[in-house]
Amino acid sequence: MFDPLYILVLLALLAVVVVLTIGLLGFMTGGEFNRKYANKLMRLRIVMQAVAVVLILIFIALRGGS
């Protein structure tokens, strides 16, 4: 599967995992980093998830059933 849209979906999912991991690690350690970036990372994760869901829906619509 070297479909460019498939690769784009995988990259979007990877970006969500990276942002989520950074947010969780910041939350677990606490401190200044968490106070400064917790809300920004949460908003970024939500945006990344929305983009990933839209890309998945586009992928299914274009490639679904075949």
N, C-alpha and C. Protein backbone atom coordinates (compact mmCIF):
# COMPACT_ATOMS: atom_id res chain seq x y z
N MET A 1 0.84 -1.19 0.00
CA MET A 1 0.00 0.00 0.00
C MET A 1 0.88 1.25 0.00
N PHE A 2 1.24 1.68 -1.15
CA PHE A 2 2.03 2.90 -1.28
C PHE A 2 1.17 4.05 -1.78
N ASP A 3 -0.07 4.01 -1.40
CA ASP A 3 -1.02 5.05 -1.74
C ASP A 3 -0.67 6.32 -0.95
N PRO A 4 -0.52 7.45 -1.61
CA PRO A 4 -0.16 8.69 -0.89
C PRO A 4 -1.17 9.07 0.20
N LEU A 5 -2.44 8.83 -0.05
CA LEU A 5 -3.46 9.15 0.96
C LEU A 5 -3.32 8.24 2.18
N TYR A 6 -3.00 6.98 1.95
CA TYR A 6 -2.77 6.04 3.05
C TYR A 6 -1.59 6.48 3.90
N ILE A 7 -0.51 6.89 3.24
CA ILE A 7 0.67 7.36 3.95
C ILE A 7 0.35 8.64 4.74
N LEU A 8 -0.46 9.51 4.16
CA LEU A 8 -0.86 10.74 4.84
C LEU A 8 -1.69 10.43 6.09
N VAL A 9 -2.57 9.44 5.99
CA VAL A 9 -3.36 9.02 7.15
C VAL A 9 -2.44 8.48 8.24
N LEU A 10 -1.48 7.65 7.85
CA LEU A 10 -0.54 7.11 8.84
C LEU A 10 0.27 8.21 9.52
N LEU A 11 0.71 9.20 8.74
CA LEU A 11 1.46 10.31 9.32
C LEU A 11 0.60 11.13 10.29
N ALA A 12 -0.66 11.32 9.93
CA ALA A 12 -1.57 12.05 10.82
C ALA A 12 -1.78 11.30 12.13
N LEU A 13 -1.93 9.98 12.03
CA LEU A 13 -2.09 9.17 13.24
C LEU A 13 -0.83 9.20 14.09
N LEU A 14 0.31 9.15 13.45
CA LEU A 14 1.58 9.23 14.17
C LEU A 14 1.72 10.57 14.88
N ALA A 15 1.31 11.64 14.22
CA ALA A 15 1.37 12.97 14.83
C ALA A 15 0.49 13.05 16.07
N VAL A 16 -0.69 12.42 16.01
CA VAL A 16 -1.58 12.39 17.18
C VAL A 16 -0.91 11.65 18.33
N VAL A 17 -0.29 10.53 18.03
CA VAL A 17 0.37 9.73 19.07
C VAL A 17 1.53 10.52 19.69
N VAL A 18 2.29 11.22 18.87
CA VAL A 18 3.43 12.00 19.38
C VAL A 18 2.95 13.11 20.30
N VAL A 19 1.95 13.87 19.86
CA VAL A 19 1.44 14.98 20.69
C VAL A 19 0.82 14.44 21.97
N LEU A 20 0.09 13.33 21.88
CA LEU A 20 -0.51 12.73 23.07
C LEU A 20 0.57 12.27 24.04
N THR A 21 1.61 11.65 23.53
CA THR A 21 2.69 11.18 24.39
C THR A 21 3.41 12.33 25.09
N ILE A 22 3.69 13.38 24.35
CA ILE A 22 4.33 14.56 24.95
C ILE A 22 3.44 15.14 26.04
N GLY A 23 2.15 15.23 25.77
CA GLY A 23 1.21 15.76 26.76
C GLY A 23 1.14 14.89 28.00
N LEU A 24 1.10 13.57 27.80
CA LEU A 24 1.03 12.67 28.96
C LEU A 24 2.31 12.72 29.79
N LEU A 25 3.46 12.76 29.13
CA LEU A 25 4.72 12.83 29.85
C LEU A 25 4.82 14.15 30.62
N GLY A 26 4.38 15.24 30.00
CA GLY A 26 4.38 16.52 30.69
C GLY A 26 3.45 16.52 31.89
N PHE A 27 2.30 15.87 31.73
CA PHE A 27 1.34 15.78 32.84
C PHE A 27 1.89 14.94 33.98
N MET A 28 2.57 13.85 33.64
CA MET A 28 3.11 12.97 34.68
C MET A 28 4.25 13.63 35.45
N THR A 29 5.07 14.39 34.76
CA THR A 29 6.19 15.03 35.45
C THR A 29 5.77 16.33 36.13
N GLY A 30 4.73 16.96 35.62
CA GLY A 30 4.26 18.22 36.21
C GLY A 30 5.26 19.33 36.00
N GLY A 31 5.29 20.27 36.89
CA GLY A 31 6.27 21.34 36.82
C GLY A 31 5.90 22.44 35.85
N GLU A 32 6.90 23.23 35.53
CA GLU A 32 6.71 24.42 34.69
C GLU A 32 6.27 24.07 33.27
N PHE A 33 6.84 22.99 32.72
CA PHE A 33 6.47 22.58 31.36
C PHE A 33 4.98 22.30 31.28
N ASN A 34 4.47 21.56 32.24
CA ASN A 34 3.05 21.22 32.24
C ASN A 34 2.19 22.47 32.39
N ARG A 35 2.57 23.37 33.27
CA ARG A 35 1.77 24.60 33.45
C ARG A 35 1.77 25.44 32.19
N LYS A 36 2.89 25.45 31.49
CA LYS A 36 3.02 26.33 30.32
C LYS A 36 2.39 25.74 29.06
N TYR A 37 2.49 24.42 28.88
CA TYR A 37 2.11 23.84 27.60
C TYR A 37 0.93 22.86 27.65
N ALA A 38 0.36 22.56 28.80
CA ALA A 38 -0.68 21.53 28.89
C ALA A 38 -1.88 21.87 28.00
N ASN A 39 -2.40 23.09 28.11
CA ASN A 39 -3.58 23.45 27.32
C ASN A 39 -3.26 23.55 25.84
N LYS A 40 -2.08 24.04 25.50
CA LYS A 40 -1.69 24.13 24.09
C LYS A 40 -1.58 22.75 23.47
N LEU A 41 -0.99 21.81 24.21
CA LEU A 41 -0.87 20.45 23.70
C LEU A 41 -2.23 19.78 23.57
N MET A 42 -3.13 20.04 24.51
CA MET A 42 -4.46 19.47 24.42
C MET A 42 -5.20 19.99 23.19
N ARG A 43 -5.11 21.28 22.96
CA ARG A 43 -5.76 21.86 21.76
C ARG A 43 -5.14 21.32 20.48
N LEU A 44 -3.82 21.21 20.47
CA LEU A 44 -3.14 20.67 19.30
C LEU A 44 -3.54 19.23 19.05
N ARG A 45 -3.68 18.45 20.12
CA ARG A 45 -4.10 17.05 19.96
C ARG A 45 -5.50 16.96 19.39
N ILE A 46 -6.40 17.82 19.83
CA ILE A 46 -7.77 17.80 19.32
C ILE A 46 -7.79 18.16 17.84
N VAL A 47 -7.02 19.15 17.45
CA VAL A 47 -6.95 19.53 16.04
C VAL A 47 -6.35 18.39 15.22
N MET A 48 -5.29 17.78 15.72
CA MET A 48 -4.65 16.67 15.00
C MET A 48 -5.61 15.49 14.86
N GLN A 49 -6.38 15.21 15.91
CA GLN A 49 -7.35 14.12 15.83
C GLN A 49 -8.43 14.43 14.81
N ALA A 50 -8.88 15.66 14.76
CA ALA A 50 -9.90 16.04 13.78
C ALA A 50 -9.37 15.88 12.36
N VAL A 51 -8.14 16.30 12.14
CA VAL A 51 -7.53 16.15 10.82
C VAL A 51 -7.40 14.67 10.47
N ALA A 52 -6.97 13.86 11.43
CA ALA A 52 -6.82 12.43 11.18
C ALA A 52 -8.16 11.78 10.86
N VAL A 53 -9.20 12.14 11.58
CA VAL A 53 -10.53 11.57 11.32
C VAL A 53 -11.02 11.97 9.94
N VAL A 54 -10.84 13.22 9.57
CA VAL A 54 -11.27 13.68 8.24
C VAL A 54 -10.50 12.93 7.15
N LEU A 55 -9.20 12.77 7.34
CA LEU A 55 -8.41 12.03 6.35
C LEU A 55 -8.84 10.57 6.26
N ILE A 56 -9.16 9.96 7.39
CA ILE A 56 -9.64 8.58 7.37
C ILE A 56 -10.97 8.48 6.64
N LEU A 57 -11.86 9.42 6.89
CA LEU A 57 -13.16 9.41 6.19
C LEU A 57 -12.99 9.61 4.69
N ILE A 58 -12.08 10.50 4.30
CA ILE A 58 -11.80 10.70 2.88
C ILE A 58 -11.23 9.42 2.27
N PHE A 59 -10.32 8.79 2.99
CA PHE A 59 -9.72 7.54 2.51
C PHE A 59 -10.79 6.47 2.31
N ILE A 60 -11.68 6.34 3.29
CA ILE A 60 -12.75 5.33 3.19
C ILE A 60 -13.68 5.67 2.03
N ALA A 61 -14.02 6.94 1.87
CA ALA A 61 -14.93 7.33 0.80
C ALA A 61 -14.32 7.05 -0.57
N LEU A 62 -13.02 7.30 -0.72
CA LEU A 62 -12.39 7.12 -2.01
C LEU A 62 -11.98 5.67 -2.27
N ARG A 63 -11.58 4.97 -1.22
CA ARG A 63 -11.03 3.62 -1.41
C ARG A 63 -11.92 2.52 -0.84
N GLY A 64 -12.98 2.89 -0.18
CA GLY A 64 -13.83 1.91 0.49
C GLY A 64 -14.49 0.95 -0.47
N GLY A 65 -14.58 -0.28 -0.04
CA GLY A 65 -15.28 -1.30 -0.83
C GLY A 65 -14.44 -1.94 -1.90
N SER A 66 -13.24 -1.46 -2.14
CA SER A 66 -12.42 -2.10 -3.18
C SER A 66 -11.13 -2.61 -2.62
